[in-house]
N, C-alpha and C. Protein backbone atom coordinates (compact mmCIF):
# COMPACT_ATOMS: atom_id res chain seq x y z
N MET A 1 48.92 -27.13 8.13
CA MET A 1 49.95 -28.07 7.77
C MET A 1 49.96 -28.26 6.25
N GLU A 2 51.13 -28.33 5.69
CA GLU A 2 51.29 -28.53 4.25
C GLU A 2 51.64 -29.99 3.96
N ILE A 3 50.96 -30.56 2.98
CA ILE A 3 51.20 -31.94 2.57
C ILE A 3 51.90 -31.90 1.21
N GLU A 4 53.05 -32.57 1.11
CA GLU A 4 53.74 -32.60 -0.18
C GLU A 4 52.99 -33.53 -1.12
N MET A 5 52.80 -33.07 -2.33
CA MET A 5 52.08 -33.83 -3.35
C MET A 5 52.96 -33.92 -4.59
N LYS A 6 52.69 -34.93 -5.37
CA LYS A 6 53.35 -35.13 -6.67
C LYS A 6 52.28 -35.16 -7.75
N ILE A 7 52.69 -34.81 -8.95
CA ILE A 7 51.77 -34.92 -10.07
C ILE A 7 51.69 -36.39 -10.46
N LYS A 8 50.52 -36.95 -10.30
CA LYS A 8 50.32 -38.35 -10.66
C LYS A 8 50.03 -38.49 -12.15
N GLY A 9 49.36 -37.49 -12.68
CA GLY A 9 49.06 -37.55 -14.10
C GLY A 9 48.23 -36.37 -14.56
N LEU A 10 48.01 -36.34 -15.83
CA LEU A 10 47.21 -35.32 -16.48
C LEU A 10 46.21 -36.08 -17.34
N MET A 11 44.93 -35.80 -17.14
CA MET A 11 43.92 -36.53 -17.89
C MET A 11 42.77 -35.61 -18.24
N VAL A 12 41.79 -36.16 -18.92
CA VAL A 12 40.64 -35.39 -19.35
C VAL A 12 39.41 -35.88 -18.59
N ASP A 13 38.65 -34.94 -18.03
CA ASP A 13 37.40 -35.26 -17.34
C ASP A 13 36.44 -35.83 -18.37
N PRO A 14 35.94 -37.03 -18.16
CA PRO A 14 35.06 -37.64 -19.16
C PRO A 14 33.70 -36.94 -19.27
N VAL A 15 33.34 -36.15 -18.27
CA VAL A 15 32.05 -35.46 -18.30
C VAL A 15 32.16 -34.12 -19.01
N THR A 16 33.18 -33.32 -18.66
CA THR A 16 33.29 -31.96 -19.20
C THR A 16 34.31 -31.83 -20.32
N ASN A 17 35.12 -32.86 -20.52
CA ASN A 17 36.22 -32.83 -21.49
C ASN A 17 37.26 -31.77 -21.17
N MET A 18 37.34 -31.38 -19.89
CA MET A 18 38.36 -30.42 -19.45
C MET A 18 39.53 -31.19 -18.87
N PRO A 19 40.75 -30.66 -19.04
CA PRO A 19 41.93 -31.32 -18.47
C PRO A 19 41.91 -31.25 -16.94
N ILE A 20 42.45 -32.29 -16.32
CA ILE A 20 42.57 -32.36 -14.87
C ILE A 20 44.01 -32.76 -14.53
N VAL A 21 44.61 -32.01 -13.61
CA VAL A 21 45.90 -32.41 -13.05
C VAL A 21 45.57 -33.18 -11.78
N ILE A 22 46.12 -34.38 -11.67
CA ILE A 22 45.88 -35.22 -10.50
C ILE A 22 47.11 -35.15 -9.60
N LEU A 23 46.91 -34.62 -8.39
CA LEU A 23 47.97 -34.57 -7.39
C LEU A 23 47.70 -35.68 -6.37
N LYS A 24 48.77 -36.36 -5.95
CA LYS A 24 48.67 -37.39 -4.92
C LYS A 24 49.80 -37.21 -3.93
N ASP A 25 49.52 -37.55 -2.67
CA ASP A 25 50.59 -37.52 -1.68
C ASP A 25 51.48 -38.74 -1.86
N GLU A 26 52.60 -38.78 -1.16
CA GLU A 26 53.56 -39.87 -1.34
C GLU A 26 52.98 -41.23 -1.02
N ALA A 27 52.14 -41.31 0.01
CA ALA A 27 51.53 -42.57 0.40
C ALA A 27 50.37 -42.94 -0.52
N GLU A 28 50.02 -42.04 -1.43
CA GLU A 28 48.91 -42.20 -2.36
C GLU A 28 47.59 -42.44 -1.63
N GLU A 29 47.46 -41.77 -0.47
CA GLU A 29 46.22 -41.86 0.29
C GLU A 29 45.30 -40.70 -0.03
N ARG A 30 45.87 -39.57 -0.39
CA ARG A 30 45.09 -38.37 -0.68
C ARG A 30 45.27 -37.99 -2.14
N VAL A 31 44.16 -37.66 -2.76
CA VAL A 31 44.17 -37.27 -4.17
C VAL A 31 43.49 -35.92 -4.28
N LEU A 32 44.08 -35.04 -5.07
CA LEU A 32 43.46 -33.74 -5.32
C LEU A 32 43.41 -33.51 -6.82
N PRO A 33 42.22 -33.58 -7.41
CA PRO A 33 42.08 -33.26 -8.83
C PRO A 33 41.89 -31.75 -8.98
N ILE A 34 42.62 -31.16 -9.90
CA ILE A 34 42.47 -29.73 -10.16
C ILE A 34 42.19 -29.56 -11.65
N TRP A 35 41.00 -29.06 -11.95
CA TRP A 35 40.64 -28.82 -13.35
C TRP A 35 41.41 -27.59 -13.82
N VAL A 36 41.98 -27.67 -14.99
CA VAL A 36 42.79 -26.58 -15.54
C VAL A 36 42.33 -26.27 -16.96
N GLY A 37 42.77 -25.15 -17.46
CA GLY A 37 42.46 -24.78 -18.83
C GLY A 37 43.30 -25.56 -19.83
N ILE A 38 42.88 -25.53 -21.06
CA ILE A 38 43.57 -26.28 -22.11
C ILE A 38 44.99 -25.78 -22.32
N PHE A 39 45.20 -24.47 -22.31
CA PHE A 39 46.55 -23.93 -22.53
C PHE A 39 47.49 -24.28 -21.38
N GLU A 40 46.94 -24.22 -20.15
CA GLU A 40 47.75 -24.57 -18.99
C GLU A 40 48.08 -26.07 -19.01
N ALA A 41 47.11 -26.88 -19.39
CA ALA A 41 47.35 -28.32 -19.50
C ALA A 41 48.44 -28.60 -20.53
N ASN A 42 48.42 -27.85 -21.62
CA ASN A 42 49.45 -28.01 -22.65
C ASN A 42 50.83 -27.68 -22.09
N ALA A 43 50.93 -26.60 -21.32
CA ALA A 43 52.22 -26.22 -20.72
C ALA A 43 52.71 -27.29 -19.75
N ILE A 44 51.80 -27.89 -19.02
CA ILE A 44 52.16 -28.96 -18.08
C ILE A 44 52.55 -30.22 -18.85
N ALA A 45 51.76 -30.56 -19.86
CA ALA A 45 52.02 -31.79 -20.64
C ALA A 45 53.36 -31.71 -21.36
N LEU A 46 53.69 -30.56 -21.93
CA LEU A 46 54.98 -30.41 -22.62
C LEU A 46 56.14 -30.70 -21.67
N ARG A 47 56.01 -30.24 -20.44
CA ARG A 47 57.09 -30.45 -19.48
C ARG A 47 57.13 -31.90 -19.02
N ILE A 48 55.96 -32.50 -18.80
CA ILE A 48 55.91 -33.91 -18.40
C ILE A 48 56.57 -34.77 -19.48
N GLU A 49 56.28 -34.46 -20.73
CA GLU A 49 56.82 -35.23 -21.85
C GLU A 49 58.23 -34.79 -22.24
N GLU A 50 58.74 -33.76 -21.55
CA GLU A 50 60.07 -33.22 -21.81
C GLU A 50 60.25 -32.78 -23.26
N ILE A 51 59.21 -32.13 -23.77
CA ILE A 51 59.23 -31.58 -25.12
C ILE A 51 59.63 -30.12 -25.03
N GLN A 52 60.64 -29.76 -25.79
CA GLN A 52 61.11 -28.37 -25.80
C GLN A 52 60.52 -27.67 -27.02
N PRO A 53 59.62 -26.71 -26.81
CA PRO A 53 59.06 -25.98 -27.95
C PRO A 53 60.14 -25.13 -28.62
N PRO A 54 59.97 -24.80 -29.90
CA PRO A 54 61.00 -24.03 -30.61
C PRO A 54 61.22 -22.63 -30.01
N ARG A 55 60.18 -22.06 -29.41
CA ARG A 55 60.30 -20.76 -28.77
C ARG A 55 59.80 -20.91 -27.34
N PRO A 56 60.32 -20.10 -26.42
CA PRO A 56 59.89 -20.24 -25.02
C PRO A 56 58.40 -19.95 -24.85
N MET A 57 57.77 -20.80 -24.07
CA MET A 57 56.38 -20.54 -23.69
C MET A 57 56.41 -19.59 -22.50
N THR A 58 55.26 -19.11 -22.09
CA THR A 58 55.18 -18.14 -21.00
C THR A 58 55.86 -18.64 -19.74
N HIS A 59 55.64 -19.91 -19.38
CA HIS A 59 56.25 -20.44 -18.16
C HIS A 59 57.76 -20.57 -18.29
N ASP A 60 58.24 -20.87 -19.50
CA ASP A 60 59.68 -20.92 -19.73
C ASP A 60 60.28 -19.52 -19.61
N LEU A 61 59.59 -18.56 -20.15
CA LEU A 61 60.03 -17.17 -20.05
C LEU A 61 60.09 -16.73 -18.60
N LEU A 62 59.08 -17.11 -17.83
CA LEU A 62 59.06 -16.76 -16.41
C LEU A 62 60.25 -17.39 -15.69
N CYS A 63 60.57 -18.62 -16.00
CA CYS A 63 61.76 -19.28 -15.40
C CYS A 63 63.03 -18.53 -15.74
N ASP A 64 63.17 -18.16 -17.01
CA ASP A 64 64.35 -17.41 -17.44
C ASP A 64 64.44 -16.06 -16.73
N LEU A 65 63.31 -15.41 -16.57
CA LEU A 65 63.27 -14.12 -15.89
C LEU A 65 63.67 -14.28 -14.42
N LEU A 66 63.10 -15.28 -13.75
CA LEU A 66 63.45 -15.51 -12.35
C LEU A 66 64.94 -15.82 -12.20
N GLU A 67 65.46 -16.65 -13.10
CA GLU A 67 66.88 -17.00 -13.05
C GLU A 67 67.76 -15.77 -13.25
N SER A 68 67.38 -14.91 -14.19
CA SER A 68 68.19 -13.71 -14.44
C SER A 68 68.16 -12.75 -13.26
N LEU A 69 67.10 -12.81 -12.47
CA LEU A 69 66.99 -11.98 -11.27
C LEU A 69 67.54 -12.68 -10.03
N GLU A 70 68.11 -13.87 -10.24
CA GLU A 70 68.66 -14.68 -9.16
C GLU A 70 67.62 -14.99 -8.09
N ALA A 71 66.41 -15.28 -8.56
CA ALA A 71 65.32 -15.67 -7.67
C ALA A 71 65.12 -17.18 -7.81
N ASN A 72 64.93 -17.86 -6.69
CA ASN A 72 64.72 -19.30 -6.70
C ASN A 72 63.31 -19.63 -6.25
N VAL A 73 62.66 -20.53 -6.97
CA VAL A 73 61.35 -21.01 -6.55
C VAL A 73 61.60 -22.08 -5.50
N GLU A 74 61.22 -21.80 -4.27
CA GLU A 74 61.43 -22.75 -3.18
C GLU A 74 60.36 -23.83 -3.17
N LYS A 75 59.12 -23.42 -3.41
CA LYS A 75 58.00 -24.36 -3.43
C LYS A 75 56.78 -23.64 -3.96
N ILE A 76 55.79 -24.42 -4.32
CA ILE A 76 54.48 -23.85 -4.62
C ILE A 76 53.50 -24.51 -3.66
N VAL A 77 52.49 -23.75 -3.29
CA VAL A 77 51.51 -24.25 -2.32
C VAL A 77 50.11 -23.96 -2.83
N VAL A 78 49.30 -25.01 -2.95
CA VAL A 78 47.87 -24.82 -3.20
C VAL A 78 47.31 -24.47 -1.83
N SER A 79 46.95 -23.20 -1.69
CA SER A 79 46.74 -22.63 -0.37
C SER A 79 45.30 -22.38 0.03
N ASP A 80 44.38 -22.39 -0.92
CA ASP A 80 43.00 -22.05 -0.56
C ASP A 80 42.04 -22.60 -1.58
N LEU A 81 40.79 -22.71 -1.17
CA LEU A 81 39.70 -23.14 -2.03
C LEU A 81 38.49 -22.28 -1.67
N LYS A 82 38.07 -21.45 -2.61
CA LYS A 82 36.92 -20.57 -2.40
C LYS A 82 36.01 -20.67 -3.61
N ASP A 83 34.73 -20.92 -3.36
CA ASP A 83 33.74 -20.99 -4.43
C ASP A 83 34.19 -21.92 -5.55
N ASN A 84 34.68 -23.10 -5.17
CA ASN A 84 35.14 -24.12 -6.12
C ASN A 84 36.34 -23.68 -6.95
N THR A 85 37.06 -22.67 -6.50
CA THR A 85 38.26 -22.20 -7.20
C THR A 85 39.46 -22.37 -6.27
N TYR A 86 40.49 -23.03 -6.79
CA TYR A 86 41.72 -23.22 -6.02
C TYR A 86 42.63 -22.01 -6.20
N PHE A 87 43.40 -21.72 -5.14
CA PHE A 87 44.36 -20.64 -5.16
C PHE A 87 45.72 -21.22 -4.79
N ALA A 88 46.77 -20.63 -5.33
CA ALA A 88 48.12 -21.11 -5.03
C ALA A 88 49.04 -19.93 -4.78
N GLN A 89 50.17 -20.25 -4.18
CA GLN A 89 51.21 -19.27 -3.95
C GLN A 89 52.54 -19.86 -4.41
N ILE A 90 53.33 -19.00 -5.03
CA ILE A 90 54.69 -19.36 -5.42
C ILE A 90 55.60 -18.75 -4.37
N HIS A 91 56.37 -19.58 -3.70
CA HIS A 91 57.30 -19.10 -2.67
C HIS A 91 58.67 -18.93 -3.30
N LEU A 92 59.16 -17.70 -3.25
CA LEU A 92 60.44 -17.36 -3.86
C LEU A 92 61.46 -16.95 -2.82
N ASP A 93 62.71 -17.19 -3.14
CA ASP A 93 63.83 -16.63 -2.38
C ASP A 93 64.52 -15.69 -3.35
N VAL A 94 64.46 -14.39 -3.03
CA VAL A 94 65.07 -13.38 -3.88
C VAL A 94 66.17 -12.70 -3.06
N ALA A 95 67.40 -13.06 -3.37
CA ALA A 95 68.56 -12.50 -2.66
C ALA A 95 68.39 -12.63 -1.15
N GLY A 96 67.94 -13.80 -0.70
CA GLY A 96 67.80 -14.05 0.73
C GLY A 96 66.50 -13.54 1.33
N ARG A 97 65.68 -12.89 0.55
CA ARG A 97 64.39 -12.39 1.04
C ARG A 97 63.27 -13.29 0.53
N GLN A 98 62.38 -13.65 1.42
CA GLN A 98 61.26 -14.52 1.06
C GLN A 98 60.11 -13.70 0.49
N ARG A 99 59.56 -14.19 -0.60
CA ARG A 99 58.41 -13.55 -1.27
C ARG A 99 57.38 -14.62 -1.57
N GLN A 100 56.12 -14.23 -1.50
CA GLN A 100 55.03 -15.11 -1.90
C GLN A 100 54.21 -14.40 -2.96
N ILE A 101 54.02 -15.09 -4.08
CA ILE A 101 53.29 -14.53 -5.21
C ILE A 101 52.01 -15.33 -5.42
N ASP A 102 50.88 -14.64 -5.50
CA ASP A 102 49.60 -15.28 -5.76
C ASP A 102 49.60 -15.82 -7.19
N ALA A 103 49.06 -17.02 -7.39
CA ALA A 103 49.05 -17.63 -8.72
C ALA A 103 47.89 -18.60 -8.85
N ARG A 104 47.53 -18.87 -10.08
CA ARG A 104 46.60 -19.97 -10.33
C ARG A 104 47.37 -21.27 -10.11
N PRO A 105 46.74 -22.29 -9.57
CA PRO A 105 47.45 -23.56 -9.37
C PRO A 105 48.07 -24.11 -10.65
N SER A 106 47.39 -23.97 -11.77
CA SER A 106 47.93 -24.50 -13.02
C SER A 106 49.23 -23.82 -13.40
N ASP A 107 49.30 -22.50 -13.23
CA ASP A 107 50.54 -21.78 -13.54
C ASP A 107 51.63 -22.13 -12.53
N ALA A 108 51.26 -22.24 -11.26
CA ALA A 108 52.24 -22.59 -10.24
C ALA A 108 52.78 -24.00 -10.48
N ILE A 109 51.93 -24.93 -10.86
CA ILE A 109 52.37 -26.30 -11.15
C ILE A 109 53.28 -26.33 -12.36
N ALA A 110 52.92 -25.60 -13.41
CA ALA A 110 53.77 -25.54 -14.61
C ALA A 110 55.14 -24.97 -14.25
N LEU A 111 55.18 -23.97 -13.38
CA LEU A 111 56.45 -23.39 -12.95
C LEU A 111 57.23 -24.37 -12.08
N ALA A 112 56.54 -25.07 -11.18
CA ALA A 112 57.20 -26.06 -10.32
C ALA A 112 57.86 -27.16 -11.16
N LEU A 113 57.19 -27.59 -12.21
CA LEU A 113 57.77 -28.62 -13.07
C LEU A 113 59.06 -28.13 -13.72
N ARG A 114 59.10 -26.87 -14.10
CA ARG A 114 60.26 -26.33 -14.79
C ARG A 114 61.43 -26.03 -13.84
N THR A 115 61.12 -25.83 -12.57
CA THR A 115 62.17 -25.47 -11.61
C THR A 115 62.46 -26.61 -10.62
N GLN A 116 61.80 -27.72 -10.78
CA GLN A 116 61.92 -28.86 -9.87
C GLN A 116 61.57 -28.48 -8.43
N ALA A 117 60.68 -27.52 -8.27
CA ALA A 117 60.24 -27.11 -6.95
C ALA A 117 59.17 -28.07 -6.43
N PRO A 118 59.16 -28.33 -5.14
CA PRO A 118 58.13 -29.21 -4.59
C PRO A 118 56.75 -28.55 -4.61
N ILE A 119 55.74 -29.39 -4.64
CA ILE A 119 54.34 -28.95 -4.66
C ILE A 119 53.71 -29.37 -3.34
N TYR A 120 53.09 -28.41 -2.67
CA TYR A 120 52.41 -28.68 -1.40
C TYR A 120 50.95 -28.26 -1.51
N VAL A 121 50.13 -28.88 -0.66
CA VAL A 121 48.72 -28.50 -0.54
C VAL A 121 48.43 -28.37 0.94
N HIS A 122 47.77 -27.28 1.32
CA HIS A 122 47.36 -27.12 2.72
C HIS A 122 46.36 -28.20 3.08
N GLN A 123 46.50 -28.76 4.27
CA GLN A 123 45.58 -29.79 4.76
C GLN A 123 44.13 -29.30 4.69
N GLU A 124 43.90 -28.04 5.00
CA GLU A 124 42.54 -27.49 4.98
C GLU A 124 41.94 -27.55 3.58
N VAL A 125 42.78 -27.35 2.57
CA VAL A 125 42.30 -27.42 1.19
C VAL A 125 41.88 -28.85 0.86
N LEU A 126 42.69 -29.82 1.29
CA LEU A 126 42.32 -31.22 1.07
C LEU A 126 41.01 -31.54 1.78
N ASP A 127 40.86 -31.05 3.01
CA ASP A 127 39.63 -31.29 3.77
C ASP A 127 38.44 -30.62 3.09
N GLN A 128 38.62 -29.39 2.63
CA GLN A 128 37.53 -28.68 1.95
C GLN A 128 37.14 -29.36 0.66
N SER A 129 38.11 -29.83 -0.10
CA SER A 129 37.80 -30.47 -1.37
C SER A 129 37.03 -31.76 -1.12
N ARG A 130 37.35 -32.47 -0.06
CA ARG A 130 36.64 -33.69 0.30
C ARG A 130 35.22 -33.35 0.71
N SER A 131 35.04 -32.27 1.49
CA SER A 131 33.70 -31.91 1.95
C SER A 131 32.83 -31.42 0.79
N LEU A 132 33.45 -30.79 -0.22
CA LEU A 132 32.68 -30.38 -1.40
C LEU A 132 32.10 -31.60 -2.10
N ASP A 133 32.92 -32.65 -2.23
CA ASP A 133 32.44 -33.87 -2.86
C ASP A 133 31.27 -34.45 -2.09
N GLU A 134 31.36 -34.39 -0.76
CA GLU A 134 30.33 -35.00 0.07
C GLU A 134 29.07 -34.16 0.17
N SER A 135 29.18 -32.85 -0.03
CA SER A 135 28.01 -31.99 0.13
C SER A 135 27.38 -31.59 -1.19
N GLY A 136 28.02 -31.92 -2.28
CA GLY A 136 27.48 -31.56 -3.59
C GLY A 136 26.28 -32.40 -3.97
N GLU A 137 25.83 -32.22 -5.16
CA GLU A 137 24.70 -32.99 -5.65
C GLU A 137 25.04 -34.47 -5.60
N PRO A 138 24.21 -35.28 -4.93
CA PRO A 138 24.58 -36.68 -4.70
C PRO A 138 24.96 -37.46 -5.95
N SER A 139 24.22 -37.31 -7.01
CA SER A 139 24.53 -38.12 -8.19
C SER A 139 25.88 -37.75 -8.79
N ASN A 140 26.19 -36.46 -8.88
CA ASN A 140 27.46 -36.04 -9.46
C ASN A 140 28.64 -36.34 -8.55
N SER A 141 28.51 -36.04 -7.26
CA SER A 141 29.65 -36.27 -6.36
C SER A 141 29.92 -37.76 -6.20
N GLU A 142 28.88 -38.56 -6.12
CA GLU A 142 29.08 -40.00 -6.00
C GLU A 142 29.71 -40.58 -7.26
N ARG A 143 29.25 -40.14 -8.41
CA ARG A 143 29.82 -40.61 -9.68
C ARG A 143 31.29 -40.20 -9.78
N LEU A 144 31.60 -38.97 -9.42
CA LEU A 144 32.98 -38.48 -9.48
C LEU A 144 33.86 -39.23 -8.48
N ARG A 145 33.37 -39.45 -7.26
CA ARG A 145 34.13 -40.18 -6.25
C ARG A 145 34.45 -41.59 -6.74
N ARG A 146 33.45 -42.28 -7.28
CA ARG A 146 33.68 -43.64 -7.79
C ARG A 146 34.68 -43.62 -8.93
N TRP A 147 34.59 -42.62 -9.79
CA TRP A 147 35.49 -42.53 -10.93
C TRP A 147 36.94 -42.40 -10.46
N PHE A 148 37.19 -41.50 -9.47
CA PHE A 148 38.55 -41.32 -8.96
C PHE A 148 39.04 -42.57 -8.24
N GLU A 149 38.16 -43.23 -7.48
CA GLU A 149 38.57 -44.44 -6.76
C GLU A 149 38.95 -45.56 -7.71
N ASN A 150 38.33 -45.59 -8.88
CA ASN A 150 38.56 -46.69 -9.82
C ASN A 150 39.54 -46.35 -10.92
N LEU A 151 40.29 -45.25 -10.77
CA LEU A 151 41.26 -44.89 -11.79
C LEU A 151 42.28 -46.00 -11.96
N ASP A 152 42.54 -46.31 -13.18
CA ASP A 152 43.54 -47.31 -13.54
C ASP A 152 44.75 -46.54 -14.07
N PRO A 153 45.97 -47.01 -13.83
CA PRO A 153 47.14 -46.30 -14.37
C PRO A 153 47.05 -46.06 -15.87
N GLU A 154 46.39 -46.92 -16.61
CA GLU A 154 46.24 -46.72 -18.05
C GLU A 154 45.39 -45.50 -18.37
N ASP A 155 44.52 -45.10 -17.41
CA ASP A 155 43.67 -43.93 -17.63
C ASP A 155 44.48 -42.66 -17.76
N PHE A 156 45.72 -42.67 -17.22
CA PHE A 156 46.55 -41.48 -17.28
C PHE A 156 47.23 -41.33 -18.63
N SER A 157 47.08 -42.31 -19.50
CA SER A 157 47.63 -42.26 -20.83
C SER A 157 49.14 -42.03 -20.76
N LYS A 158 49.66 -41.26 -21.68
CA LYS A 158 51.10 -41.04 -21.73
C LYS A 158 51.58 -39.97 -20.78
N TYR A 159 50.66 -39.34 -20.03
CA TYR A 159 51.05 -38.25 -19.15
C TYR A 159 51.27 -38.68 -17.71
N GLU A 160 51.30 -39.98 -17.43
CA GLU A 160 51.52 -40.43 -16.07
C GLU A 160 52.93 -40.06 -15.64
N MET A 161 53.09 -39.68 -14.39
CA MET A 161 54.39 -39.31 -13.83
C MET A 161 55.01 -40.54 -13.18
């Protein structure tokens, strides 16, 4: 089963100083943090802030390419979690034919923002991510769990959705 998620915000992990995209379901009962690279976070942040760079970034170029090929991004799906790495798929409609393209979640999310495509996460991925927190090193997983539970909207800074 796929759960529709929205980008709640983009923030920095206080432990690793790496960017995190925070996905939440509509009821805000489920949260999925996805650590991303700095460049991918920049591509996401530019779109959240509606900043148009002077030259197209890679994700903008990809959107232009898809549009010129008359391909529509129907949705993106965070589809798997293996060895602490998330996997995603971009679902396309190309002239009435369905295609699925493997992608990093950060790239898929950046593309979804540019095409207004919905973001989904497989229920199994949400379950696996929860079990990782529970089975990891107690001090780190407990600290991380408490941190996410106590997030304040101000923690999202200017990148809150």
